[in-house]
Structure formats: C-alpha cells, structure tokens
C-alpha cells in the first residue's frame, strides 16, 4: 500500500509514465488493485506497449464497474489499440 501511495499522486497529476513502474510493482503484489491496473495500463499505452496496456486495462475493467472517466478512458484506449 505504501508504494501505491507514493506513486498515486504523480499518476493522478498526469504523469502515468513516471508512476508506471511503481504501479506495475503494486499490481505484481496486489493483482486486483483496480487503480494501479488503470495507471499501469495508461503508462504502458503512453510508452507504446499496447499488449501490456491491453492486459492491464482489461483487468482493470474486470475489477472496476463504475461508468465514469476512468472507465471511459480505459475503453477509449482499448478501442484505439484494437484487436
């Protein structure tokens, strides 16, 4: 939880790439942490790793059911990635 709390403010401020490695570490030890999955997916997409972004964002959507901005963003990225 401490690792998430360190990286989360940067991710929420728009620096998903900077926070990405910390979010991936959170997911490694807490695989269903929906917000870490979301930020890790965003970061992976921003650095051009579409397969990893797809994995994280699909897992995020399995955990997160609220149709809000996070949910919409995940769907938008997945649409952009395509099949």
PDB file of N, CA and C in Angstrom:
ATOM      1  N   UNK A   1       0.822  -1.199   0.000  1.00  0.00           N
ATOM      2  CA  UNK A   1       0.000   0.000   0.000  1.00  0.00           C
ATOM      3  C   UNK A   1       0.862   1.257   0.000  1.00  0.00           C
ATOM      4  N   UNK A   2       1.991   1.215   0.670  1.00  0.00           N
ATOM      5  CA  UNK A   2       2.872   2.379   0.731  1.00  0.00           C
ATOM      6  C   UNK A   2       3.376   2.747  -0.661  1.00  0.00           C
ATOM      7  N   UNK A   3       3.724   1.744  -1.464  1.00  0.00           N
ATOM      8  CA  UNK A   3       4.229   2.011  -2.814  1.00  0.00           C
ATOM      9  C   UNK A   3       3.152   2.710  -3.643  1.00  0.00           C
ATOM     10  N   UNK A   4       1.923   2.256  -3.538  1.00  0.00           N
ATOM     11  CA  UNK A   4       0.837   2.895  -4.268  1.00  0.00           C
ATOM     12  C   UNK A   4       0.685   4.347  -3.838  1.00  0.00           C
ATOM     13  N   UNK A   5       0.691   4.586  -2.554  1.00  0.00           N
ATOM     14  CA  UNK A   5       0.508   5.946  -2.035  1.00  0.00           C
ATOM     15  C   UNK A   5       1.618   6.892  -2.494  1.00  0.00           C
ATOM     16  N   UNK A   6       2.804   6.364  -2.729  1.00  0.00           N
ATOM     17  CA  UNK A   6       3.918   7.198  -3.203  1.00  0.00           C
ATOM     18  C   UNK A   6       3.709   7.584  -4.662  1.00  0.00           C
ATOM     19  N   UNK A   7       3.301   6.629  -5.488  1.00  0.00           N
ATOM     20  CA  UNK A   7       3.171   6.887  -6.915  1.00  0.00           C
ATOM     21  C   UNK A   7       1.847   7.458  -7.360  1.00  0.00           C
ATOM     22  N   UNK A   8       0.811   7.265  -6.574  1.00  0.00           N
ATOM     23  CA  UNK A   8      -0.528   7.673  -6.994  1.00  0.00           C
ATOM     24  C   UNK A   8      -0.678   9.177  -7.239  1.00  0.00           C
ATOM     25  N   UNK A   9      -0.145  10.040  -6.405  1.00  0.00           N
ATOM     26  CA  UNK A   9      -0.294  11.476  -6.695  1.00  0.00           C
ATOM     27  C   UNK A   9       0.311  11.884  -8.037  1.00  0.00           C
ATOM     28  N   UNK A  10       1.446  11.304  -8.389  1.00  0.00           N
ATOM     29  CA  UNK A  10       2.060  11.620  -9.687  1.00  0.00           C
ATOM     30  C   UNK A  10       1.167  11.145 -10.826  1.00  0.00           C
ATOM     31  N   UNK A  11       0.629   9.943 -10.692  1.00  0.00           N
ATOM     32  CA  UNK A  11      -0.246   9.410 -11.731  1.00  0.00           C
ATOM     33  C   UNK A  11      -1.505  10.266 -11.866  1.00  0.00           C
ATOM     34  N   UNK A  12      -2.111  10.626 -10.763  1.00  0.00           N
ATOM     35  CA  UNK A  12      -3.318  11.459 -10.814  1.00  0.00           C
ATOM     36  C   UNK A  12      -3.030  12.853 -11.357  1.00  0.00           C
ATOM     37  N   UNK A  13      -1.798  13.317 -11.226  1.00  0.00           N
ATOM     38  CA  UNK A  13      -1.420  14.623 -11.758  1.00  0.00           C
ATOM     39  C   UNK A  13      -1.106  14.549 -13.256  1.00  0.00           C
ATOM     40  N   UNK A  14      -1.195  13.339 -13.830  1.00  0.00           N
ATOM     41  CA  UNK A  14      -0.982  13.193 -15.261  1.00  0.00           C
ATOM     42  C   UNK A  14       0.329  12.556 -15.652  1.00  0.00           C
ATOM     43  N   UNK A  15       1.156  12.196 -14.692  1.00  0.00           N
ATOM     44  CA  UNK A  15       2.449  11.575 -15.008  1.00  0.00           C
ATOM     45  C   UNK A  15       2.360  10.059 -14.867  1.00  0.00           C
ATOM     46  N   UNK A  16       1.521   9.450 -15.704  1.00  0.00           N
ATOM     47  CA  UNK A  16       1.385   7.997 -15.659  1.00  0.00           C
ATOM     48  C   UNK A  16       2.689   7.303 -16.027  1.00  0.00           C
ATOM     49  N   UNK A  17       3.441   7.870 -16.964  1.00  0.00           N
ATOM     50  CA  UNK A  17       4.700   7.240 -17.370  1.00  0.00           C
ATOM     51  C   UNK A  17       5.677   7.214 -16.201  1.00  0.00           C
ATOM     52  N   UNK A  18       5.778   8.309 -15.483  1.00  0.00           N
ATOM     53  CA  UNK A  18       6.670   8.357 -14.324  1.00  0.00           C
ATOM     54  C   UNK A  18       6.240   7.427 -13.217  1.00  0.00           C
ATOM     55  N   UNK A  19       4.934   7.317 -13.016  1.00  0.00           N
ATOM     56  CA  UNK A  19       4.405   6.465 -11.955  1.00  0.00           C
ATOM     57  C   UNK A  19       4.235   5.015 -12.395  1.00  0.00           C
ATOM     58  N   UNK A  20       4.326   4.754 -13.694  1.00  0.00           N
ATOM     59  CA  UNK A  20       4.080   3.427 -14.236  1.00  0.00           C
ATOM     60  C   UNK A  20       4.839   2.296 -13.562  1.00  0.00           C
ATOM     61  N   UNK A  21       6.158   2.422 -13.390  1.00  0.00           N
ATOM     62  CA  UNK A  21       6.886   1.323 -12.746  1.00  0.00           C
ATOM     63  C   UNK A  21       6.402   1.030 -11.321  1.00  0.00           C
ATOM     64  N   UNK A  22       6.039   2.067 -10.584  1.00  0.00           N
ATOM     65  CA  UNK A  22       5.512   1.839  -9.233  1.00  0.00           C
ATOM     66  C   UNK A  22       4.150   1.159  -9.291  1.00  0.00           C
ATOM     67  N   UNK A  23       3.320   1.565 -10.251  1.00  0.00           N
ATOM     68  CA  UNK A  23       2.003   0.948 -10.382  1.00  0.00           C
ATOM     69  C   UNK A  23       2.136  -0.523 -10.788  1.00  0.00           C
ATOM     70  N   UNK A  24       3.105  -0.828 -11.642  1.00  0.00           N
ATOM     71  CA  UNK A  24       3.341  -2.218 -12.025  1.00  0.00           C
ATOM     72  C   UNK A  24       3.810  -3.041 -10.826  1.00  0.00           C
ATOM     73  N   UNK A  25       4.609  -2.443  -9.976  1.00  0.00           N
ATOM     74  CA  UNK A  25       5.044  -3.129  -8.762  1.00  0.00           C
ATOM     75  C   UNK A  25       3.859  -3.402  -7.838  1.00  0.00           C
ATOM     76  N   UNK A  26       2.970  -2.437  -7.714  1.00  0.00           N
ATOM     77  CA  UNK A  26       1.766  -2.644  -6.907  1.00  0.00           C
ATOM     78  C   UNK A  26       0.968  -3.816  -7.463  1.00  0.00           C
ATOM     79  N   UNK A  27       0.770  -3.840  -8.777  1.00  0.00           N
ATOM     80  CA  UNK A  27      -0.012  -4.900  -9.411  1.00  0.00           C
ATOM     81  C   UNK A  27       0.651  -6.263  -9.237  1.00  0.00           C
ATOM     82  N   UNK A  28       1.968  -6.283  -9.237  1.00  0.00           N
ATOM     83  CA  UNK A  28       2.675  -7.550  -9.049  1.00  0.00           C
ATOM     84  C   UNK A  28       2.313  -8.193  -7.708  1.00  0.00           C
ATOM     85  N   UNK A  29       2.184  -7.378  -6.679  1.00  0.00           N
ATOM     86  CA  UNK A  29       1.906  -7.898  -5.339  1.00  0.00           C
ATOM     87  C   UNK A  29       0.426  -7.807  -4.947  1.00  0.00           C
ATOM     88  N   UNK A  30      -0.355  -7.013  -5.688  1.00  0.00           N
ATOM     89  CA  UNK A  30      -1.780  -6.840  -5.416  1.00  0.00           C
ATOM     90  C   UNK A  30      -2.487  -6.840  -6.780  1.00  0.00           C
ATOM     91  N   UNK A  31      -2.638  -8.015  -7.382  1.00  0.00           N
ATOM     92  CA  UNK A  31      -3.062  -8.131  -8.783  1.00  0.00           C
ATOM     93  C   UNK A  31      -4.429  -7.552  -9.122  1.00  0.00           C
ATOM     94  N   UNK A  32      -5.286  -7.346  -8.153  1.00  0.00           N
ATOM     95  CA  UNK A  32      -6.612  -6.804  -8.461  1.00  0.00           C
ATOM     96  C   UNK A  32      -6.786  -5.368  -7.955  1.00  0.00           C
ATOM     97  N   UNK A  33      -5.686  -4.664  -7.741  1.00  0.00           N
ATOM     98  CA  UNK A  33      -5.760  -3.261  -7.320  1.00  0.00           C
ATOM     99  C   UNK A  33      -6.179  -2.432  -8.537  1.00  0.00           C
ATOM    100  N   UNK A  34      -7.466  -2.102  -8.598  1.00  0.00           N
ATOM    101  CA  UNK A  34      -8.014  -1.521  -9.822  1.00  0.00           C
ATOM    102  C   UNK A  34      -7.343  -0.219 -10.238  1.00  0.00           C
ATOM    103  N   UNK A  35      -7.024   0.652  -9.310  1.00  0.00           N
ATOM    104  CA  UNK A  35      -6.442   1.934  -9.700  1.00  0.00           C
ATOM    105  C   UNK A  35      -4.998   1.765 -10.173  1.00  0.00           C
ATOM    106  N   UNK A  36      -4.247   0.856  -9.567  1.00  0.00           N
ATOM    107  CA  UNK A  36      -2.892   0.579 -10.051  1.00  0.00           C
ATOM    108  C   UNK A  36      -2.951  -0.036 -11.444  1.00  0.00           C
ATOM    109  N   UNK A  37      -3.930  -0.924 -11.687  1.00  0.00           N
ATOM    110  CA  UNK A  37      -4.102  -1.502 -13.024  1.00  0.00           C
ATOM    111  C   UNK A  37      -4.397  -0.410 -14.047  1.00  0.00           C
ATOM    112  N   UNK A  38      -5.245   0.518 -13.672  1.00  0.00           N
ATOM    113  CA  UNK A  38      -5.607   1.618 -14.572  1.00  0.00           C
ATOM    114  C   UNK A  38      -4.381   2.460 -14.929  1.00  0.00           C
ATOM    115  N   UNK A  39      -3.640   2.893 -13.928  1.00  0.00           N
ATOM    116  CA  UNK A  39      -2.470   3.732 -14.182  1.00  0.00           C
ATOM    117  C   UNK A  39      -1.373   2.964 -14.909  1.00  0.00           C
ATOM    118  N   UNK A  40      -1.183   1.695 -14.573  1.00  0.00           N
ATOM    119  CA  UNK A  40      -0.188   0.883 -15.280  1.00  0.00           C
ATOM    120  C   UNK A  40      -0.587   0.723 -16.748  1.00  0.00           C
ATOM    121  N   UNK A  41      -1.881   0.549 -16.998  1.00  0.00           N
ATOM    122  CA  UNK A  41      -2.358   0.461 -18.376  1.00  0.00           C
ATOM    123  C   UNK A  41      -2.156   1.746 -19.145  1.00  0.00           C
ATOM    124  N   UNK A  42      -2.482   2.862 -18.527  1.00  0.00           N
ATOM    125  CA  UNK A  42      -2.266   4.164 -19.169  1.00  0.00           C
ATOM    126  C   UNK A  42      -0.789   4.374 -19.483  1.00  0.00           C
ATOM    127  N   UNK A  43       0.066   4.054 -18.525  1.00  0.00           N
ATOM    128  CA  UNK A  43       1.511   4.229 -18.720  1.00  0.00           C
ATOM    129  C   UNK A  43       2.023   3.347 -19.848  1.00  0.00           C
ATOM    130  N   UNK A  44       1.596   2.107 -19.853  1.00  0.00           N
ATOM    131  CA  UNK A  44       2.036   1.187 -20.916  1.00  0.00           C
ATOM    132  C   UNK A  44       1.602   1.685 -22.286  1.00  0.00           C
ATOM    133  N   UNK A  45       0.388   2.192 -22.374  1.00  0.00           N
ATOM    134  CA  UNK A  45      -0.098   2.738 -23.638  1.00  0.00           C
ATOM    135  C   UNK A  45       0.734   3.942 -24.066  1.00  0.00           C
ATOM    136  N   UNK A  46       1.025   4.823 -23.126  1.00  0.00           N
ATOM    137  CA  UNK A  46       1.784   6.038 -23.452  1.00  0.00           C
ATOM    138  C   UNK A  46       3.196   5.738 -23.946  1.00  0.00           C
ATOM    139  N   UNK A  47       3.790   4.646 -23.490  1.00  0.00           N
ATOM    140  CA  UNK A  47       5.148   4.302 -23.948  1.00  0.00           C
ATOM    141  C   UNK A  47       5.121   3.348 -25.142  1.00  0.00           C
ATOM    142  N   UNK A  48       3.926   3.052 -25.648  1.00  0.00           N
ATOM    143  CA  UNK A  48       3.815   2.260 -26.856  1.00  0.00           C
ATOM    144  C   UNK A  48       3.765   0.756 -26.673  1.00  0.00           C
ATOM    145  N   UNK A  49       3.527   0.295 -25.460  1.00  0.00           N
ATOM    146  CA  UNK A  49       3.439  -1.144 -25.201  1.00  0.00           C
ATOM    147  C   UNK A  49       1.961  -1.553 -25.173  1.00  0.00           C
ATOM    148  N   UNK A  50       1.390  -1.674 -26.365  1.00  0.00           N
ATOM    149  CA  UNK A  50      -0.039  -1.967 -26.489  1.00  0.00           C
ATOM    150  C   UNK A  50      -0.445  -3.300 -25.857  1.00  0.00           C
ATOM    151  N   UNK A  51       0.312  -4.373 -26.035  1.00  0.00           N
ATOM    152  CA  UNK A  51      -0.115  -5.637 -25.410  1.00  0.00           C
ATOM    153  C   UNK A  51      -0.188  -5.553 -23.887  1.00  0.00           C
ATOM    154  N   UNK A  52       0.786  -4.911 -23.286  1.00  0.00           N
ATOM    155  CA  UNK A  52       0.769  -4.764 -21.827  1.00  0.00           C
ATOM    156  C   UNK A  52      -0.364  -3.847 -21.398  1.00  0.00           C
ATOM    157  N   UNK A  53      -0.574  -2.754 -22.139  1.00  0.00           N
ATOM    158  CA  UNK A  53      -1.675  -1.838 -21.828  1.00  0.00           C
ATOM    159  C   UNK A  53      -3.007  -2.574 -21.894  1.00  0.00           C
ATOM    160  N   UNK A  54      -3.194  -3.379 -22.943  1.00  0.00           N
ATOM    161  CA  UNK A  54      -4.438  -4.138 -23.078  1.00  0.00           C
ATOM    162  C   UNK A  54      -4.650  -5.047 -21.874  1.00  0.00           C
ATOM    163  N   UNK A  55      -3.612  -5.764 -21.473  1.00  0.00           N
ATOM    164  CA  UNK A  55      -3.721  -6.671 -20.327  1.00  0.00           C
ATOM    165  C   UNK A  55      -4.136  -5.914 -19.070  1.00  0.00           C
ATOM    166  N   UNK A  56      -3.429  -4.843 -18.755  1.00  0.00           N
ATOM    167  CA  UNK A  56      -3.747  -4.087 -17.549  1.00  0.00           C
ATOM    168  C   UNK A  56      -5.152  -3.501 -17.599  1.00  0.00           C
ATOM    169  N   UNK A  57      -5.515  -2.922 -18.741  1.00  0.00           N
ATOM    170  CA  UNK A  57      -6.806  -2.248 -18.824  1.00  0.00           C
ATOM    171  C   UNK A  57      -7.973  -3.231 -18.849  1.00  0.00           C
ATOM    172  N   UNK A  58      -7.786  -4.373 -19.481  1.00  0.00           N
ATOM    173  CA  UNK A  58      -8.845  -5.391 -19.421  1.00  0.00           C
ATOM    174  C   UNK A  58      -9.023  -5.898 -17.994  1.00  0.00           C
ATOM    175  N   UNK A  59      -7.927  -6.078 -17.288  1.00  0.00           N
ATOM    176  CA  UNK A  59      -8.012  -6.487 -15.884  1.00  0.00           C
ATOM    177  C   UNK A  59      -8.653  -5.389 -15.036  1.00  0.00           C
ATOM    178  N   UNK A  60      -8.310  -4.138 -15.327  1.00  0.00           N
ATOM    179  CA  UNK A  60      -8.931  -3.007 -14.631  1.00  0.00           C
ATOM    180  C   UNK A  60     -10.451  -3.066 -14.794  1.00  0.00           C
ATOM    181  N   UNK A  61     -10.915  -3.274 -16.023  1.00  0.00           N
ATOM    182  CA  UNK A  61     -12.349  -3.287 -16.285  1.00  0.00           C
ATOM    183  C   UNK A  61     -13.053  -4.484 -15.659  1.00  0.00           C
ATOM    184  N   UNK A  62     -12.332  -5.553 -15.397  1.00  0.00           N
ATOM    185  CA  UNK A  62     -12.924  -6.684 -14.676  1.00  0.00           C
ATOM    186  C   UNK A  62     -13.192  -6.315 -13.224  1.00  0.00           C
ATOM    187  N   UNK A  63     -12.363  -5.443 -12.676  1.00  0.00           N
ATOM    188  CA  UNK A  63     -12.474  -5.060 -11.265  1.00  0.00           C
ATOM    189  C   UNK A  63     -13.348  -3.820 -11.042  1.00  0.00           C
ATOM    190  N   UNK A  64     -13.389  -2.928 -12.018  1.00  0.00           N
ATOM    191  CA  UNK A  64     -13.992  -1.612 -11.839  1.00  0.00           C
ATOM    192  C   UNK A  64     -15.262  -1.503 -12.680  1.00  0.00           C
ATOM    193  N   UNK A  65     -16.389  -1.322 -12.059  1.00  0.00           N
ATOM    194  CA  UNK A  65     -17.672  -1.335 -12.761  1.00  0.00           C
ATOM    195  C   UNK A  65     -18.384   0.012 -12.809  1.00  0.00           C
ATOM    196  N   UNK A  66     -17.771   1.057 -12.279  1.00  0.00           N
ATOM    197  CA  UNK A  66     -18.395   2.379 -12.271  1.00  0.00           C
ATOM    198  C   UNK A  66     -18.135   3.059 -13.619  1.00  0.00           C
ATOM    199  N   UNK A  67     -19.179   3.442 -14.308  1.00  0.00           N
ATOM    200  CA  UNK A  67     -19.030   4.059 -15.626  1.00  0.00           C
ATOM    201  C   UNK A  67     -18.728   5.549 -15.473  1.00  0.00           C
ATOM    202  N   UNK A  68     -17.454   5.841 -15.208  1.00  0.00           N
ATOM    203  CA  UNK A  68     -17.011   7.221 -15.009  1.00  0.00           C
ATOM    204  C   UNK A  68     -15.850   7.516 -15.955  1.00  0.00           C
ATOM    205  N   UNK A  69     -15.092   8.540 -15.649  1.00  0.00           N
ATOM    206  CA  UNK A  69     -13.975   8.928 -16.504  1.00  0.00           C
ATOM    207  C   UNK A  69     -12.895   7.867 -16.617  1.00  0.00           C
ATOM    208  N   UNK A  70     -12.575   7.191 -15.517  1.00  0.00           N
ATOM    209  CA  UNK A  70     -11.551   6.128 -15.549  1.00  0.00           C
ATOM    210  C   UNK A  70     -12.013   5.000 -16.469  1.00  0.00           C
ATOM    211  N   UNK A  71     -13.268   4.603 -16.306  1.00  0.00           N
ATOM    212  CA  UNK A  71     -13.875   3.537 -17.096  1.00  0.00           C
ATOM    213  C   UNK A  71     -13.886   3.919 -18.577  1.00  0.00           C
ATOM    214  N   UNK A  72     -14.322   5.149 -18.876  1.00  0.00           N
ATOM    215  CA  UNK A  72     -14.383   5.627 -20.261  1.00  0.00           C
ATOM    216  C   UNK A  72     -13.004   5.697 -20.893  1.00  0.00           C
ATOM    217  N   UNK A  73     -12.021   6.170 -20.129  1.00  0.00           N
ATOM    218  CA  UNK A  73     -10.655   6.262 -20.634  1.00  0.00           C
ATOM    219  C   UNK A  73     -10.109   4.884 -20.982  1.00  0.00           C
ATOM    220  N   UNK A  74     -10.360   3.905 -20.127  1.00  0.00           N
ATOM    221  CA  UNK A  74      -9.893   2.540 -20.394  1.00  0.00           C
ATOM    222  C   UNK A  74     -10.507   2.010 -21.693  1.00  0.00           C
ATOM    223  N   UNK A  75     -11.815   2.233 -21.867  1.00  0.00           N
ATOM    224  CA  UNK A  75     -12.473   1.784 -23.096  1.00  0.00           C
ATOM    225  C   UNK A  75     -11.930   2.514 -24.322  1.00  0.00           C
ATOM    226  N   UNK A  76     -11.666   3.802 -24.177  1.00  0.00           N
ATOM    227  CA  UNK A  76     -11.135   4.577 -25.301  1.00  0.00           C
ATOM    228  C   UNK A  76      -9.755   4.061 -25.723  1.00  0.00           C
ATOM    229  N   UNK A  77      -8.906   3.785 -24.752  1.00  0.00           N
ATOM    230  CA  UNK A  77      -7.569   3.268 -25.073  1.00  0.00           C
ATOM    231  C   UNK A  77      -7.682   1.888 -25.720  1.00  0.00           C
ATOM    232  N   UNK A  78      -8.517   1.034 -25.151  1.00  0.00           N
ATOM    233  CA  UNK A  78      -8.684  -0.296 -25.734  1.00  0.00           C
ATOM    234  C   UNK A  78      -9.231  -0.220 -27.146  1.00  0.00           C
ATOM    235  N   UNK A  79     -10.113   0.724 -27.422  1.00  0.00           N
ATOM    236  CA  UNK A  79     -10.619   0.921 -28.794  1.00  0.00           C
ATOM    237  C   UNK A  79      -9.505   1.376 -29.720  1.00  0.00           C
ATOM    238  N   UNK A  80      -8.663   2.257 -29.217  1.00  0.00           N
ATOM    239  CA  UNK A  80      -7.553   2.737 -30.031  1.00  0.00           C
ATOM    240  C   UNK A  80      -6.548   1.632 -30.330  1.00  0.00           C
ATOM    241  N   UNK A  81      -6.317   0.765 -29.344  1.00  0.00           N
ATOM    242  CA  UNK A  81      -5.396  -0.359 -29.539  1.00  0.00           C
ATOM    243  C   UNK A  81      -5.970  -1.341 -30.562  1.00  0.00           C
ATOM    244  N   UNK A  82      -7.271  -1.592 -30.473  1.00  0.00           N
ATOM    245  CA  UNK A  82      -7.924  -2.540 -31.374  1.00  0.00           C
ATOM    246  C   UNK A  82      -7.568  -3.970 -31.028  1.00  0.00           C
ATOM    247  N   UNK A  83      -7.857  -4.864 -31.959  1.00  0.00           N
ATOM    248  CA  UNK A  83      -7.609  -6.295 -31.717  1.00  0.00           C
ATOM    249  C   UNK A  83      -6.228  -6.728 -32.097  1.00  0.00           C
TER     250      UNK A  83
END
